[in-house]
């Protein structure tokens, strides 16, 4: 039989297991911040010493590594961001900005640990909620990778020589002659290759998916 932990007392990714009195004591060690739409709350590469609990509005996790701003996920009331850096202390992996006017609470590791010395049961409940949140997001990330894993498996043995080199071995032009024939860029639309078309379809499908979750920050 599966272990039964504390029943959920309320909605919210971090506070689901807390009763009213415990919630009040946790919120007492947080700092309140308000931001307007477009304001940055966390920056990629910055030190990680806290996480954010969203009370009102919506915040966005964004990536700019490819030159364009891409929204990886959106978090509304009851949601949490910054849990990865909160746990491991490593620099932030993404920017976080306000998608709308919002109100958040900042919980530091020092604040939670100090509270935990007085409230070990409260600390245990918050720790379990964090673990459950990380597990959900990990499973979601695995689900997102399923199409890419299936495609990678369909490629076959990576040690198998490319088709054009097999053709060269059968008497056609050598791979060196083919490789050196034309250095101009190849347009994907000009390539008649069902496997490449499948790869592009998978990538397009992933790009079209709505951001239902986010990478750790």
N, C-alpha and C. Protein backbone atom coordinates (compact mmCIF):
# COMPACT_ATOMS: atom_id res chain seq x y z
N UNK A 1 0.85 -1.20 0.00
CA UNK A 1 0.00 0.00 0.00
C UNK A 1 0.88 1.24 0.00
N UNK A 2 0.53 2.22 -0.82
CA UNK A 2 1.33 3.44 -0.91
C UNK A 2 1.26 4.19 0.42
N UNK A 3 2.37 4.85 0.74
CA UNK A 3 2.41 5.64 1.97
C UNK A 3 1.44 6.81 1.88
N UNK A 4 0.79 7.10 2.98
CA UNK A 4 -0.13 8.22 3.04
C UNK A 4 0.54 9.34 3.82
N UNK A 5 0.75 10.48 3.15
CA UNK A 5 1.37 11.61 3.82
C UNK A 5 0.28 12.52 4.35
N UNK A 6 0.60 13.79 4.56
CA UNK A 6 -0.41 14.72 5.06
C UNK A 6 -1.41 15.01 3.94
N UNK A 7 -2.67 15.05 4.27
CA UNK A 7 -3.66 15.40 3.23
C UNK A 7 -3.52 16.87 2.85
N UNK A 8 -3.86 17.17 1.61
CA UNK A 8 -3.81 18.55 1.15
C UNK A 8 -4.90 19.36 1.84
N UNK A 9 -4.50 20.48 2.40
CA UNK A 9 -5.44 21.33 3.12
C UNK A 9 -5.90 22.52 2.29
N UNK A 10 -5.17 22.81 1.20
CA UNK A 10 -5.46 23.99 0.39
C UNK A 10 -4.77 23.83 -0.95
N UNK A 11 -5.07 24.72 -1.89
CA UNK A 11 -4.36 24.72 -3.16
C UNK A 11 -3.05 25.49 -3.00
N UNK A 12 -2.13 25.26 -3.90
CA UNK A 12 -0.83 25.93 -3.82
C UNK A 12 0.28 24.91 -3.81
N UNK A 13 1.29 25.14 -4.66
CA UNK A 13 2.33 24.13 -4.83
C UNK A 13 3.23 23.97 -3.62
N UNK A 14 3.40 24.99 -2.81
CA UNK A 14 4.29 24.89 -1.66
C UNK A 14 3.54 24.73 -0.35
N UNK A 15 2.30 25.16 -0.29
CA UNK A 15 1.59 25.25 0.99
C UNK A 15 0.43 24.26 1.09
N UNK A 16 0.37 23.30 0.18
CA UNK A 16 -0.79 22.41 0.13
C UNK A 16 -1.02 21.64 1.43
N UNK A 17 0.06 21.30 2.15
CA UNK A 17 -0.08 20.46 3.34
C UNK A 17 -0.19 21.26 4.63
N UNK A 18 -0.14 22.59 4.56
CA UNK A 18 -0.12 23.41 5.77
C UNK A 18 -1.54 23.74 6.22
N UNK A 19 -1.75 23.70 7.54
CA UNK A 19 -3.03 24.18 8.05
C UNK A 19 -2.97 25.70 8.15
N UNK A 20 -4.04 26.32 8.58
CA UNK A 20 -4.11 27.78 8.58
C UNK A 20 -3.03 28.40 9.46
N UNK A 21 -2.82 27.84 10.64
CA UNK A 21 -1.83 28.41 11.55
C UNK A 21 -0.42 28.27 10.99
N UNK A 22 -0.12 27.11 10.40
CA UNK A 22 1.21 26.91 9.81
C UNK A 22 1.43 27.85 8.63
N UNK A 23 0.39 28.03 7.81
CA UNK A 23 0.50 28.94 6.68
C UNK A 23 0.82 30.36 7.16
N UNK A 24 0.15 30.80 8.20
CA UNK A 24 0.39 32.14 8.73
C UNK A 24 1.83 32.29 9.21
N UNK A 25 2.36 31.26 9.86
CA UNK A 25 3.74 31.34 10.35
C UNK A 25 4.74 31.32 9.19
N UNK A 26 4.43 30.57 8.13
CA UNK A 26 5.33 30.56 6.97
C UNK A 26 5.32 31.92 6.28
N UNK A 27 4.14 32.48 6.06
CA UNK A 27 4.05 33.77 5.37
C UNK A 27 4.72 34.88 6.18
N UNK A 28 4.78 34.70 7.50
CA UNK A 28 5.40 35.72 8.35
C UNK A 28 6.89 35.87 8.09
N UNK A 29 7.54 34.83 7.52
CA UNK A 29 8.98 34.91 7.26
C UNK A 29 9.26 35.22 5.79
N UNK A 30 8.23 35.56 5.02
CA UNK A 30 8.43 35.92 3.63
C UNK A 30 8.44 37.44 3.46
N UNK A 31 8.97 37.87 2.31
CA UNK A 31 8.97 39.29 1.96
C UNK A 31 8.02 39.49 0.78
N UNK A 32 7.18 40.51 0.85
CA UNK A 32 6.21 40.79 -0.20
C UNK A 32 6.82 41.74 -1.22
N UNK A 33 6.58 41.45 -2.49
CA UNK A 33 7.03 42.33 -3.56
C UNK A 33 5.94 42.43 -4.62
N UNK A 34 5.80 43.62 -5.21
CA UNK A 34 4.86 43.83 -6.30
C UNK A 34 5.62 44.28 -7.54
N UNK A 35 5.14 43.87 -8.70
CA UNK A 35 5.83 44.19 -9.95
C UNK A 35 4.80 44.50 -11.03
N UNK A 36 5.18 45.37 -11.96
CA UNK A 36 4.34 45.66 -13.10
C UNK A 36 4.66 44.75 -14.26
N UNK A 37 3.75 44.66 -15.21
CA UNK A 37 3.96 43.80 -16.37
C UNK A 37 5.27 44.15 -17.06
N UNK A 38 6.09 43.12 -17.31
CA UNK A 38 7.37 43.31 -17.97
C UNK A 38 8.55 43.48 -17.04
N UNK A 39 8.30 43.71 -15.75
CA UNK A 39 9.39 43.84 -14.79
C UNK A 39 10.06 42.49 -14.56
N UNK A 40 11.39 42.50 -14.43
CA UNK A 40 12.13 41.26 -14.17
C UNK A 40 12.20 41.02 -12.67
N UNK A 41 11.92 39.78 -12.28
CA UNK A 41 11.96 39.39 -10.87
C UNK A 41 13.21 38.60 -10.53
N UNK A 42 13.65 37.75 -11.45
CA UNK A 42 14.88 36.98 -11.29
C UNK A 42 15.65 37.04 -12.60
N UNK A 43 16.97 36.97 -12.50
CA UNK A 43 17.82 37.05 -13.69
C UNK A 43 18.66 35.79 -13.84
N UNK A 44 18.77 35.32 -15.06
CA UNK A 44 19.62 34.16 -15.34
C UNK A 44 21.06 34.45 -14.92
N UNK A 45 21.65 33.48 -14.23
CA UNK A 45 23.03 33.62 -13.77
C UNK A 45 23.18 34.29 -12.43
N UNK A 46 22.10 34.85 -11.89
CA UNK A 46 22.20 35.52 -10.59
C UNK A 46 22.22 34.49 -9.46
N UNK A 47 22.72 34.87 -8.29
CA UNK A 47 22.76 33.93 -7.16
C UNK A 47 21.37 33.47 -6.77
N UNK A 48 21.29 32.24 -6.28
CA UNK A 48 19.99 31.65 -5.89
C UNK A 48 19.93 31.49 -4.38
N UNK A 49 19.11 32.30 -3.75
CA UNK A 49 18.97 32.20 -2.30
C UNK A 49 17.51 32.16 -1.87
N UNK A 50 16.60 32.16 -2.83
CA UNK A 50 15.18 32.23 -2.46
C UNK A 50 14.32 31.66 -3.57
N UNK A 51 13.04 31.47 -3.27
CA UNK A 51 12.04 31.13 -4.28
C UNK A 51 10.89 32.11 -4.15
N UNK A 52 10.04 32.13 -5.17
CA UNK A 52 8.92 33.06 -5.20
C UNK A 52 7.60 32.31 -5.18
N UNK A 53 6.69 32.76 -4.33
CA UNK A 53 5.32 32.25 -4.30
C UNK A 53 4.43 33.31 -4.93
N UNK A 54 3.68 32.95 -5.93
CA UNK A 54 2.82 33.91 -6.62
C UNK A 54 1.49 34.01 -5.89
N UNK A 55 1.13 35.24 -5.49
CA UNK A 55 -0.15 35.46 -4.84
C UNK A 55 -1.20 35.97 -5.82
N UNK A 56 -0.82 36.93 -6.65
CA UNK A 56 -1.75 37.52 -7.62
C UNK A 56 -1.01 37.75 -8.93
N UNK A 57 -1.76 37.70 -10.04
CA UNK A 57 -1.15 37.95 -11.33
C UNK A 57 -0.48 36.72 -11.91
N UNK A 58 0.34 36.97 -12.92
CA UNK A 58 1.01 35.87 -13.62
C UNK A 58 2.45 36.26 -13.92
N UNK A 59 3.37 35.33 -13.70
CA UNK A 59 4.77 35.57 -14.04
C UNK A 59 5.21 34.57 -15.10
N UNK A 60 6.25 34.94 -15.83
CA UNK A 60 6.71 34.15 -16.97
C UNK A 60 8.17 33.75 -16.78
N UNK A 61 8.49 32.53 -17.17
CA UNK A 61 9.86 32.06 -17.23
C UNK A 61 10.29 32.16 -18.68
N UNK A 62 11.36 32.89 -18.96
CA UNK A 62 11.73 33.16 -20.34
C UNK A 62 13.18 32.76 -20.60
N UNK A 63 13.46 32.54 -21.88
CA UNK A 63 14.80 32.18 -22.33
C UNK A 63 15.17 33.07 -23.50
N UNK A 64 16.40 33.54 -23.53
CA UNK A 64 16.86 34.40 -24.61
C UNK A 64 18.14 33.87 -25.24
N UNK A 65 18.44 32.59 -25.03
CA UNK A 65 19.72 32.05 -25.48
C UNK A 65 19.83 31.95 -26.98
N UNK A 66 18.71 31.87 -27.72
CA UNK A 66 18.74 31.74 -29.18
C UNK A 66 18.54 33.07 -29.88
N UNK A 67 18.63 34.17 -29.15
CA UNK A 67 18.47 35.48 -29.77
C UNK A 67 17.05 36.01 -29.72
N UNK A 68 16.07 35.14 -29.52
CA UNK A 68 14.68 35.55 -29.40
C UNK A 68 14.20 35.27 -27.98
N UNK A 69 13.23 36.04 -27.55
CA UNK A 69 12.63 35.81 -26.24
C UNK A 69 11.55 34.75 -26.36
N UNK A 70 11.73 33.65 -25.64
CA UNK A 70 10.79 32.53 -25.68
C UNK A 70 10.23 32.32 -24.29
N UNK A 71 8.90 32.27 -24.18
CA UNK A 71 8.26 32.01 -22.89
C UNK A 71 8.22 30.50 -22.68
N UNK A 72 8.94 30.02 -21.67
CA UNK A 72 8.99 28.59 -21.37
C UNK A 72 7.84 28.14 -20.50
N UNK A 73 7.29 29.03 -19.73
CA UNK A 73 6.19 28.65 -18.85
C UNK A 73 5.60 29.87 -18.18
N UNK A 74 4.38 29.72 -17.72
CA UNK A 74 3.68 30.79 -17.01
C UNK A 74 3.16 30.24 -15.67
N UNK A 75 3.25 31.05 -14.65
CA UNK A 75 2.85 30.62 -13.30
C UNK A 75 1.88 31.64 -12.73
N UNK A 76 0.74 31.15 -12.26
CA UNK A 76 -0.28 32.01 -11.68
C UNK A 76 -0.36 31.85 -10.17
N UNK A 77 -1.42 32.37 -9.57
CA UNK A 77 -1.58 32.32 -8.11
C UNK A 77 -1.46 30.89 -7.56
N UNK A 78 -0.70 30.75 -6.49
CA UNK A 78 -0.46 29.45 -5.89
C UNK A 78 0.77 28.75 -6.42
N UNK A 79 1.34 29.26 -7.52
CA UNK A 79 2.50 28.63 -8.12
C UNK A 79 3.81 29.09 -7.49
N UNK A 80 4.86 28.36 -7.83
CA UNK A 80 6.19 28.61 -7.28
C UNK A 80 7.19 28.65 -8.41
N UNK A 81 8.16 29.55 -8.34
CA UNK A 81 9.30 29.53 -9.24
C UNK A 81 10.58 29.72 -8.42
N UNK A 82 11.68 29.26 -8.99
CA UNK A 82 12.97 29.40 -8.31
C UNK A 82 13.32 28.27 -7.39
N UNK A 83 12.56 27.15 -7.49
CA UNK A 83 12.77 26.06 -6.54
C UNK A 83 14.10 25.34 -6.74
N UNK A 84 14.60 25.30 -7.98
CA UNK A 84 15.85 24.58 -8.23
C UNK A 84 17.02 25.29 -7.56
N UNK A 85 17.15 26.60 -7.82
CA UNK A 85 18.21 27.35 -7.17
C UNK A 85 18.05 27.42 -5.66
N UNK A 86 16.80 27.44 -5.20
CA UNK A 86 16.53 27.44 -3.76
C UNK A 86 17.11 26.20 -3.10
N UNK A 87 17.03 25.06 -3.81
CA UNK A 87 17.49 23.80 -3.24
C UNK A 87 18.98 23.59 -3.40
N UNK A 88 19.55 23.92 -4.57
CA UNK A 88 20.96 23.59 -4.77
C UNK A 88 21.91 24.78 -4.67
N UNK A 89 21.37 26.01 -4.59
CA UNK A 89 22.22 27.18 -4.42
C UNK A 89 23.00 27.58 -5.66
N UNK A 90 22.75 26.96 -6.80
CA UNK A 90 23.45 27.30 -8.02
C UNK A 90 22.78 28.49 -8.70
N UNK A 91 23.50 29.17 -9.63
CA UNK A 91 22.92 30.35 -10.30
C UNK A 91 21.63 30.01 -11.03
N UNK A 92 20.79 31.03 -11.20
CA UNK A 92 19.52 30.86 -11.90
C UNK A 92 19.75 30.41 -13.33
N UNK A 93 18.85 29.57 -13.82
CA UNK A 93 18.97 29.03 -15.17
C UNK A 93 18.18 29.83 -16.19
N UNK A 94 17.20 30.65 -15.76
CA UNK A 94 16.38 31.42 -16.68
C UNK A 94 15.98 32.75 -16.05
N UNK A 95 15.55 33.67 -16.90
CA UNK A 95 14.97 34.92 -16.42
C UNK A 95 13.52 34.67 -16.00
N UNK A 96 13.07 35.45 -15.03
CA UNK A 96 11.67 35.43 -14.62
C UNK A 96 11.18 36.87 -14.62
N UNK A 97 10.06 37.10 -15.31
CA UNK A 97 9.51 38.45 -15.37
C UNK A 97 8.00 38.40 -15.10
N UNK A 98 7.45 39.55 -14.79
CA UNK A 98 6.02 39.65 -14.56
C UNK A 98 5.30 39.69 -15.91
N UNK A 99 4.41 38.73 -16.13
CA UNK A 99 3.60 38.75 -17.35
C UNK A 99 2.47 39.74 -17.25
N UNK A 100 1.99 39.95 -16.02
CA UNK A 100 0.97 40.95 -15.72
C UNK A 100 1.41 41.63 -14.42
N UNK A 101 0.68 42.65 -14.02
CA UNK A 101 0.92 43.19 -12.69
C UNK A 101 0.72 42.05 -11.69
N UNK A 102 1.66 41.90 -10.77
CA UNK A 102 1.60 40.74 -9.88
C UNK A 102 2.11 41.07 -8.49
N UNK A 103 1.77 40.18 -7.59
CA UNK A 103 2.22 40.26 -6.20
C UNK A 103 2.81 38.89 -5.85
N UNK A 104 4.05 38.89 -5.35
CA UNK A 104 4.72 37.64 -5.00
C UNK A 104 5.28 37.73 -3.58
N UNK A 105 5.55 36.58 -3.02
CA UNK A 105 6.23 36.49 -1.73
C UNK A 105 7.56 35.79 -1.91
N UNK A 106 8.58 36.36 -1.36
CA UNK A 106 9.94 35.81 -1.47
C UNK A 106 10.28 35.06 -0.19
N UNK A 107 10.60 33.77 -0.34
CA UNK A 107 10.99 32.93 0.78
C UNK A 107 12.46 32.56 0.63
N UNK A 108 13.27 32.94 1.61
CA UNK A 108 14.70 32.62 1.56
C UNK A 108 14.97 31.29 2.25
N UNK A 109 16.08 30.68 1.86
CA UNK A 109 16.47 29.43 2.54
C UNK A 109 16.74 29.68 4.02
N UNK A 110 17.42 30.78 4.32
CA UNK A 110 17.72 31.08 5.72
C UNK A 110 16.44 31.26 6.53
N UNK A 111 15.45 31.94 5.90
CA UNK A 111 14.19 32.14 6.62
C UNK A 111 13.48 30.83 6.89
N UNK A 112 13.45 29.94 5.90
CA UNK A 112 12.77 28.66 6.09
C UNK A 112 13.50 27.80 7.11
N UNK A 113 14.83 27.76 7.04
CA UNK A 113 15.59 26.93 7.98
C UNK A 113 15.46 27.45 9.41
N UNK A 114 15.44 28.77 9.58
CA UNK A 114 15.25 29.33 10.92
C UNK A 114 13.88 28.96 11.46
N UNK A 115 12.86 29.04 10.61
CA UNK A 115 11.52 28.64 11.02
C UNK A 115 11.48 27.15 11.34
N UNK A 116 12.21 26.35 10.58
CA UNK A 116 12.22 24.90 10.78
C UNK A 116 12.80 24.49 12.12
N UNK A 117 13.69 25.30 12.68
CA UNK A 117 14.24 24.97 13.99
C UNK A 117 13.16 25.04 15.07
N UNK A 118 12.19 25.90 14.86
CA UNK A 118 11.09 26.03 15.81
C UNK A 118 9.89 25.19 15.41
N UNK A 119 9.76 24.92 14.10
CA UNK A 119 8.60 24.22 13.55
C UNK A 119 9.06 23.05 12.67
N UNK A 120 9.62 21.99 13.25
CA UNK A 120 10.12 20.90 12.40
C UNK A 120 9.05 20.23 11.55
N UNK A 121 7.80 20.14 12.06
CA UNK A 121 6.74 19.53 11.26
C UNK A 121 6.40 20.42 10.06
N UNK A 122 6.38 21.71 10.27
CA UNK A 122 6.12 22.63 9.17
C UNK A 122 7.21 22.50 8.11
N UNK A 123 8.46 22.44 8.55
CA UNK A 123 9.57 22.28 7.61
C UNK A 123 9.43 20.98 6.82
N UNK A 124 9.02 19.91 7.50
CA UNK A 124 8.85 18.63 6.82
C UNK A 124 7.76 18.72 5.75
N UNK A 125 6.67 19.40 6.07
CA UNK A 125 5.58 19.53 5.10
C UNK A 125 6.00 20.35 3.88
N UNK A 126 6.72 21.45 4.11
CA UNK A 126 7.19 22.27 2.99
C UNK A 126 8.21 21.49 2.15
N UNK A 127 9.07 20.75 2.81
CA UNK A 127 10.07 19.96 2.09
C UNK A 127 9.40 18.90 1.22
N UNK A 128 8.38 18.24 1.75
CA UNK A 128 7.64 17.25 0.97
C UNK A 128 6.95 17.91 -0.22
N UNK A 129 6.37 19.09 -0.01
CA UNK A 129 5.71 19.80 -1.11
C UNK A 129 6.71 20.17 -2.19
N UNK A 130 7.92 20.59 -1.79
CA UNK A 130 8.96 20.91 -2.77
C UNK A 130 9.37 19.67 -3.55
N UNK A 131 9.52 18.56 -2.85
CA UNK A 131 9.90 17.31 -3.53
C UNK A 131 8.83 16.89 -4.53
N UNK A 132 7.56 17.01 -4.13
CA UNK A 132 6.47 16.65 -5.04
C UNK A 132 6.45 17.57 -6.26
N UNK A 133 6.72 18.86 -6.05
CA UNK A 133 6.77 19.81 -7.17
C UNK A 133 7.89 19.45 -8.13
N UNK A 134 9.07 19.14 -7.61
CA UNK A 134 10.20 18.77 -8.46
C UNK A 134 9.89 17.49 -9.23
N UNK A 135 9.23 16.53 -8.57
CA UNK A 135 8.89 15.27 -9.25
C UNK A 135 7.91 15.52 -10.38
N UNK A 136 6.90 16.35 -10.16
CA UNK A 136 5.93 16.65 -11.22
C UNK A 136 6.60 17.30 -12.41
N UNK A 137 7.48 18.24 -12.15
CA UNK A 137 8.12 18.94 -13.26
C UNK A 137 9.13 18.04 -13.97
N UNK A 138 9.76 17.14 -13.24
CA UNK A 138 10.65 16.18 -13.88
C UNK A 138 9.87 15.24 -14.80
N UNK A 139 8.74 14.74 -14.33
CA UNK A 139 7.93 13.85 -15.15
C UNK A 139 7.39 14.59 -16.38
N UNK A 140 7.03 15.85 -16.20
CA UNK A 140 6.55 16.63 -17.34
C UNK A 140 7.66 16.79 -18.38
N UNK A 141 8.89 17.04 -17.90
CA UNK A 141 10.01 17.18 -18.83
C UNK A 141 10.25 15.89 -19.60
N UNK A 142 10.11 14.74 -18.93
CA UNK A 142 10.27 13.46 -19.62
C UNK A 142 9.20 13.28 -20.69
N UNK A 143 7.96 13.65 -20.37
CA UNK A 143 6.88 13.55 -21.35
C UNK A 143 7.17 14.42 -22.57
N UNK A 144 7.73 15.62 -22.34
CA UNK A 144 8.04 16.51 -23.45
C UNK A 144 9.14 15.93 -24.34
N UNK A 145 10.02 15.12 -23.76
CA UNK A 145 11.14 14.57 -24.53
C UNK A 145 10.77 13.29 -25.27
N UNK A 146 9.62 12.70 -24.99
CA UNK A 146 9.25 11.43 -25.61
C UNK A 146 9.32 11.47 -27.14
N UNK A 147 8.77 12.51 -27.81
CA UNK A 147 8.86 12.50 -29.28
C UNK A 147 10.30 12.52 -29.79
N UNK A 148 11.17 13.26 -29.10
CA UNK A 148 12.57 13.33 -29.53
C UNK A 148 13.28 12.01 -29.29
N UNK A 149 12.97 11.35 -28.16
CA UNK A 149 13.59 10.05 -27.90
C UNK A 149 13.16 9.03 -28.94
N UNK A 150 11.87 9.03 -29.27
CA UNK A 150 11.38 8.09 -30.27
C UNK A 150 12.03 8.34 -31.62
N UNK A 151 12.19 9.61 -31.97
CA UNK A 151 12.83 9.92 -33.24
C UNK A 151 14.29 9.49 -33.24
N UNK A 152 15.00 9.75 -32.12
CA UNK A 152 16.41 9.37 -32.04
C UNK A 152 16.58 7.86 -32.19
N UNK A 153 15.66 7.08 -31.59
CA UNK A 153 15.74 5.63 -31.71
C UNK A 153 15.50 5.17 -33.14
N UNK A 154 14.71 5.95 -33.89
CA UNK A 154 14.42 5.55 -35.27
C UNK A 154 15.59 5.78 -36.21
N UNK A 155 16.60 6.50 -35.73
CA UNK A 155 17.73 6.81 -36.61
C UNK A 155 18.64 5.61 -36.83
N UNK A 156 18.56 4.61 -35.97
CA UNK A 156 19.39 3.42 -36.14
C UNK A 156 20.77 3.59 -35.54
N UNK A 157 21.71 2.78 -36.02
CA UNK A 157 23.06 2.73 -35.48
C UNK A 157 23.83 3.98 -35.87
N UNK A 158 24.31 4.78 -34.88
CA UNK A 158 25.05 5.99 -35.23
C UNK A 158 26.40 5.69 -35.88
N UNK A 159 26.88 4.46 -35.77
CA UNK A 159 28.16 4.11 -36.38
C UNK A 159 28.02 3.74 -37.85
N UNK A 160 26.79 3.59 -38.33
CA UNK A 160 26.58 3.22 -39.71
C UNK A 160 27.01 4.36 -40.62
N UNK A 161 27.79 4.10 -41.67
CA UNK A 161 28.27 5.18 -42.52
C UNK A 161 27.13 5.83 -43.27
N UNK A 162 27.23 7.14 -43.57
CA UNK A 162 26.19 7.83 -44.32
C UNK A 162 25.96 7.19 -45.67
N UNK A 163 24.78 7.39 -46.23
CA UNK A 163 24.42 6.75 -47.49
C UNK A 163 25.33 7.17 -48.61
N UNK A 164 25.75 8.41 -48.62
CA UNK A 164 26.57 8.84 -49.74
C UNK A 164 27.95 8.20 -49.70
N UNK A 165 28.42 7.84 -48.50
CA UNK A 165 29.70 7.15 -48.44
C UNK A 165 29.55 5.70 -48.86
N UNK A 166 28.36 5.12 -48.58
CA UNK A 166 28.13 3.76 -49.07
C UNK A 166 28.04 3.78 -50.59
N UNK A 167 27.44 4.82 -51.15
CA UNK A 167 27.38 4.93 -52.61
C UNK A 167 28.77 5.07 -53.21
N UNK A 168 29.64 5.81 -52.53
CA UNK A 168 31.00 5.97 -53.03
C UNK A 168 31.73 4.64 -53.03
N UNK A 169 31.50 3.85 -51.98
CA UNK A 169 32.16 2.55 -51.91
C UNK A 169 31.69 1.62 -53.01
N UNK A 170 30.47 1.89 -53.54
CA UNK A 170 29.94 1.04 -54.61
C UNK A 170 30.40 1.49 -55.99
N UNK A 171 31.25 2.51 -56.04
CA UNK A 171 31.79 2.93 -57.34
C UNK A 171 31.46 4.34 -57.72
N UNK A 172 30.71 5.06 -56.93
CA UNK A 172 30.40 6.44 -57.25
C UNK A 172 31.51 7.36 -56.81
N UNK A 173 31.21 8.63 -56.73
CA UNK A 173 32.22 9.60 -56.30
C UNK A 173 32.59 9.34 -54.86
N UNK A 174 33.85 9.63 -54.51
CA UNK A 174 34.32 9.43 -53.14
C UNK A 174 33.65 10.44 -52.22
N UNK A 175 33.65 10.11 -50.90
CA UNK A 175 33.04 11.02 -49.94
C UNK A 175 33.79 12.34 -49.93
N UNK A 176 35.13 12.30 -50.14
CA UNK A 176 35.90 13.52 -50.15
C UNK A 176 35.50 14.40 -51.33
N UNK A 177 35.26 13.76 -52.50
CA UNK A 177 34.87 14.53 -53.67
C UNK A 177 33.50 15.15 -53.47
N UNK A 178 32.59 14.37 -52.86
CA UNK A 178 31.25 14.89 -52.62
C UNK A 178 31.29 16.01 -51.60
N UNK A 179 32.05 15.79 -50.50
CA UNK A 179 32.11 16.80 -49.46
C UNK A 179 32.71 18.09 -49.96
N UNK A 180 33.64 18.01 -50.89
CA UNK A 180 34.32 19.20 -51.36
C UNK A 180 33.71 19.79 -52.61
N UNK A 181 32.61 19.23 -53.08
CA UNK A 181 32.05 19.67 -54.35
C UNK A 181 31.43 21.06 -54.26
N UNK A 182 30.70 21.33 -53.19
CA UNK A 182 29.98 22.60 -53.10
C UNK A 182 29.88 23.01 -51.64
N UNK A 183 30.48 24.15 -51.31
CA UNK A 183 30.47 24.62 -49.93
C UNK A 183 29.32 25.56 -49.63
N UNK A 184 28.44 25.78 -50.59
CA UNK A 184 27.34 26.70 -50.36
C UNK A 184 26.35 26.10 -49.37
N UNK A 185 25.67 26.95 -48.58
CA UNK A 185 24.71 26.43 -47.60
C UNK A 185 23.59 25.65 -48.27
N UNK A 186 23.13 24.63 -47.57
CA UNK A 186 22.05 23.80 -48.07
C UNK A 186 20.75 24.25 -47.43
N UNK A 187 19.75 24.53 -48.24
CA UNK A 187 18.44 24.91 -47.71
C UNK A 187 17.65 23.64 -47.41
N UNK A 188 17.04 23.60 -46.19
CA UNK A 188 16.30 22.41 -45.81
C UNK A 188 15.17 22.11 -46.78
N UNK A 189 14.55 23.16 -47.32
CA UNK A 189 13.44 22.94 -48.24
C UNK A 189 13.86 22.25 -49.52
N UNK A 190 15.18 22.29 -49.82
CA UNK A 190 15.68 21.69 -51.05
C UNK A 190 16.05 20.22 -50.87
N UNK A 191 16.00 19.72 -49.64
CA UNK A 191 16.41 18.36 -49.36
C UNK A 191 15.19 17.45 -49.40
N UNK A 192 15.24 16.44 -50.22
CA UNK A 192 14.16 15.47 -50.30
C UNK A 192 14.53 14.26 -49.48
N UNK A 193 14.26 14.33 -48.19
CA UNK A 193 14.65 13.27 -47.26
C UNK A 193 13.52 13.08 -46.26
N UNK A 194 12.79 11.98 -46.32
CA UNK A 194 11.67 11.77 -45.39
C UNK A 194 12.09 11.82 -43.93
N UNK A 195 13.32 11.34 -43.62
CA UNK A 195 13.78 11.33 -42.24
C UNK A 195 13.97 12.76 -41.73
N UNK A 196 14.53 13.62 -42.57
CA UNK A 196 14.70 15.01 -42.18
C UNK A 196 13.35 15.68 -42.03
N UNK A 197 12.42 15.38 -42.92
CA UNK A 197 11.07 15.94 -42.81
C UNK A 197 10.43 15.54 -41.49
N UNK A 198 10.65 14.29 -41.09
CA UNK A 198 10.09 13.81 -39.82
C UNK A 198 10.71 14.57 -38.65
N UNK A 199 12.02 14.79 -38.71
CA UNK A 199 12.69 15.51 -37.63
C UNK A 199 12.16 16.93 -37.50
N UNK A 200 11.98 17.59 -38.65
CA UNK A 200 11.47 18.95 -38.62
C UNK A 200 10.03 18.99 -38.11
N UNK A 201 9.24 17.99 -38.46
CA UNK A 201 7.86 17.93 -37.97
C UNK A 201 7.83 17.80 -36.45
N UNK A 202 8.73 16.97 -35.90
CA UNK A 202 8.78 16.80 -34.44
C UNK A 202 9.14 18.12 -33.77
N UNK A 203 10.14 18.82 -34.32
CA UNK A 203 10.56 20.09 -33.73
C UNK A 203 9.46 21.14 -33.84
N UNK A 204 8.75 21.15 -34.97
CA UNK A 204 7.66 22.11 -35.12
C UNK A 204 6.54 21.82 -34.12
N UNK A 205 6.25 20.54 -33.90
CA UNK A 205 5.21 20.18 -32.96
C UNK A 205 5.57 20.62 -31.55
N UNK A 206 6.83 20.42 -31.16
CA UNK A 206 7.26 20.85 -29.83
C UNK A 206 7.16 22.36 -29.70
N UNK A 207 7.49 23.08 -30.77
CA UNK A 207 7.44 24.54 -30.73
C UNK A 207 6.01 25.05 -30.62
N UNK A 208 5.05 24.28 -31.17
CA UNK A 208 3.66 24.72 -31.15
C UNK A 208 2.97 24.42 -29.83
N UNK A 209 3.54 23.57 -29.01
CA UNK A 209 2.86 23.20 -27.77
C UNK A 209 2.76 24.39 -26.83
N UNK A 210 1.63 24.59 -26.19
CA UNK A 210 1.52 25.68 -25.23
C UNK A 210 2.38 25.37 -24.01
N UNK A 211 2.97 26.39 -23.41
CA UNK A 211 3.83 26.17 -22.24
C UNK A 211 3.01 25.81 -21.02
N UNK A 212 2.87 24.53 -20.73
CA UNK A 212 2.05 24.09 -19.60
C UNK A 212 2.86 23.92 -18.33
N UNK A 213 4.14 23.99 -18.42
CA UNK A 213 4.99 23.89 -17.25
C UNK A 213 6.29 24.63 -17.55
N UNK A 214 7.27 24.53 -16.69
CA UNK A 214 8.47 25.30 -16.89
C UNK A 214 9.69 24.55 -16.46
N UNK A 215 10.82 24.99 -17.00
CA UNK A 215 12.08 24.46 -16.53
C UNK A 215 12.38 25.06 -15.17
N UNK A 216 13.21 24.36 -14.40
CA UNK A 216 13.58 24.88 -13.10
C UNK A 216 14.37 26.17 -13.23
N UNK A 217 14.22 27.03 -12.25
CA UNK A 217 14.88 28.34 -12.27
C UNK A 217 15.80 28.45 -11.08
